[in-house]
Protein backbone atom coordinates (compact mmCIF):
# COMPACT_ATOMS: atom_id res chain seq x y z
CA MET A 1 8.95 13.13 -22.86
CA LYS A 2 7.21 16.48 -23.64
CA SER A 3 5.73 18.88 -20.81
CA LEU A 4 2.81 19.64 -21.34
CA THR A 5 1.19 23.41 -21.26
CA SER A 6 -0.65 24.52 -18.13
CA GLN A 7 -3.75 24.96 -21.34
CA GLU A 8 -2.86 21.40 -22.04
CA LYS A 9 -3.11 20.06 -18.89
CA GLU A 10 -6.40 21.70 -18.30
CA ALA A 11 -7.62 20.96 -21.38
CA ARG A 12 -7.35 17.05 -20.22
CA LEU A 13 -8.49 17.62 -16.69
CA TRP A 14 -11.84 19.11 -18.49
CA LEU A 15 -12.25 15.94 -20.45
CA SER A 16 -11.40 13.69 -17.42
CA VAL A 17 -14.20 15.59 -15.43
CA ALA A 18 -16.62 15.72 -17.97
CA LYS A 19 -16.73 12.02 -18.52
CA ILE A 20 -16.87 11.30 -14.58
CA VAL A 21 -19.97 13.77 -14.20
CA GLU A 22 -21.64 12.11 -16.80
CA GLU A 23 -20.89 8.89 -15.91
CA GLU A 24 -22.17 10.01 -12.37
CA THR A 25 -25.02 11.58 -13.69
CA SER A 26 -26.06 9.03 -15.66
CA GLU A 27 -26.18 5.92 -13.25
CA LEU A 28 -28.76 8.47 -11.32
CA GLU A 29 -32.59 7.20 -11.65
CA PRO A 30 -34.05 9.04 -15.32
CA SER A 31 -37.14 10.23 -13.19
CA GLN A 32 -34.59 12.94 -11.50
CA ASN A 33 -33.69 13.96 -14.64
CA VAL A 34 -30.44 15.52 -13.66
CA SER A 35 -27.82 17.07 -16.25
CA ALA A 36 -24.50 19.33 -16.10
CA THR A 37 -24.17 22.77 -17.40
CA PRO A 38 -21.10 23.25 -19.09
CA LYS A 39 -20.75 26.66 -16.04
CA PHE A 40 -20.99 23.79 -13.50
CA ILE A 41 -18.35 21.44 -15.10
CA ALA A 42 -15.76 24.25 -15.33
CA SER A 43 -16.27 25.24 -12.12
CA LEU A 44 -15.92 21.74 -11.34
CA VAL A 45 -12.52 21.46 -13.33
CA GLU A 46 -11.32 25.20 -11.96
CA LEU A 47 -11.78 23.63 -8.46
CA VAL A 48 -9.80 20.38 -9.00
CA TYR A 49 -6.94 22.18 -10.78
CA ASN A 50 -6.30 24.74 -8.15
CA GLN A 51 -6.58 21.74 -5.30
CA GLY A 52 -4.29 19.76 -7.86
CA ILE A 53 -1.35 22.48 -7.94
CA THR A 54 -2.21 23.46 -4.10
CA LEU A 55 -1.71 19.69 -2.88
CA GLY A 56 1.49 19.57 -4.72
CA GLU A 57 3.07 22.53 -4.03
CA ASP A 58 2.13 21.49 -0.03
CA LEU A 59 3.59 17.91 -0.83
CA GLU A 60 7.11 19.80 -1.87
CA MET A 61 7.25 21.82 1.05
CA PHE A 62 6.58 19.21 3.32
CA ALA A 63 9.35 17.20 1.67
CA ARG A 64 11.87 20.37 1.38
CA HIS A 65 11.49 21.04 5.51
CA ALA A 66 12.59 17.54 5.90
CA LYS A 67 15.34 18.33 4.07
CA ARG A 68 14.27 15.70 0.97
CA LYS A 69 13.85 16.39 -2.48
CA THR A 70 11.92 13.46 -3.02
CA ILE A 71 8.38 13.35 -2.12
CA THR A 72 7.09 10.42 0.29
CA PRO A 73 3.87 9.11 1.42
CA GLU A 74 4.59 10.61 5.08
CA ASP A 75 4.40 13.95 3.12
CA LEU A 76 1.06 13.09 1.84
CA PHE A 77 -0.24 11.86 5.51
CA MET A 78 1.14 15.44 6.58
CA VAL A 79 -1.22 17.12 3.88
CA THR A 80 -4.22 14.50 4.77
CA ARG A 81 -3.73 14.86 8.62
CA ARG A 82 -6.84 16.87 9.49
CA ASN A 83 -8.94 14.50 7.27
CA ASP A 84 -8.73 10.72 9.17
CA ASP A 85 -10.55 9.09 6.84
CA LEU A 86 -8.99 10.17 3.64
CA THR A 87 -5.56 9.27 6.05
CA ASP A 88 -7.31 5.84 6.63
CA LEU A 89 -8.13 5.37 2.89
CA LEU A 90 -4.82 6.42 1.76
CA GLN A 91 -2.96 4.40 4.04
CA GLU A 92 -5.11 1.17 3.07
CA PHE A 93 -4.18 1.97 -0.20
CA LEU A 94 -0.53 1.98 0.42
CA GLN A 95 -0.34 -1.12 1.87
CA GLU A 96 -2.30 -2.95 -0.63
CA LYS A 97 0.33 -1.72 -2.97
CA VAL A 98 3.31 -2.77 -0.63
CA GLN A 99 1.55 -6.39 -0.43
CA VAL A 100 1.19 -6.68 -4.42
CA LYS A 101 4.59 -5.63 -4.81
CA ASN A 102 6.32 -7.96 -2.06
CA LEU A 103 4.06 -10.76 -3.76
CA LYS A 104 5.62 -9.89 -7.10
CA ASP A 105 9.08 -9.67 -5.68
CA ASP A 106 8.48 -13.31 -3.93
CA ASN A 107 8.00 -14.41 -7.12
CA GLU A 108 10.81 -12.92 -8.82
CA ARG A 109 13.16 -14.65 -6.06
CA LYS A 110 11.41 -17.71 -6.26
CA GLU A 111 12.03 -17.83 -10.19
CA ASN A 112 15.70 -16.30 -9.72
CA LEU A 113 16.37 -18.96 -7.31
CA GLU A 114 15.01 -21.24 -10.26
CA ASN A 115 16.91 -19.65 -12.70
CA PRO A 116 19.95 -18.62 -11.05
CA ASP A 117 21.39 -16.56 -14.10
CA GLY A 118 18.27 -14.40 -13.52
CA ASP A 119 19.13 -10.64 -12.26
CA ASP A 120 18.65 -9.76 -9.17
CA ASP A 121 17.41 -6.47 -9.25
CA PHE A 122 14.90 -6.15 -5.82
CA ASP A 123 13.37 -3.57 -4.34
CA ASP A 124 13.12 -2.68 -0.66
CA ASP A 125 9.52 -1.20 0.61
CA ASP A 126 9.78 -2.02 4.44
CA GLU A 127 10.06 1.74 4.78
CA LEU A 128 7.00 2.38 3.24
CA LEU A 129 5.30 -0.24 5.12
CA LYS A 130 6.78 0.89 8.11
CA ILE A 131 5.59 4.40 7.95
CA ALA A 132 1.72 3.26 7.00
CA ASN A 133 2.28 1.13 9.82
CA ARG A 134 3.15 3.75 12.50
CA LYS A 135 0.56 6.22 10.70
CA SER A 136 -2.16 3.41 11.02
CA ASN A 137 -1.42 3.17 15.15
CA ARG A 138 -1.91 6.56 16.30
């Protein structure tokens, strides 16, 4: 897959942010007559882009500090550690994802028991669930 240039990333981000701003302003009451100027959208795009770069660098730094090459949810929780509401929201999201994955795995196991010639490729997400539970118990 071709890697996107910085300009291509910003262009895609511009379109996404502009669409979100348009959707949000259209949901406001018509009597408020709210619109977003291109200058506002450009500023918002720059803010979001810079925050994304900073987030990526922080995640890489936390993983490197833990002597890992892979970023884990625990790294993200380190980034959001000063924002309890965001951390809680991310933990809930992670737990939901793990539960959905476990349900899919259970269904695959059942199918494999019914069809013994099937593929036995299972993923183990117990570690992700342990991290999320450990963080939510703090």
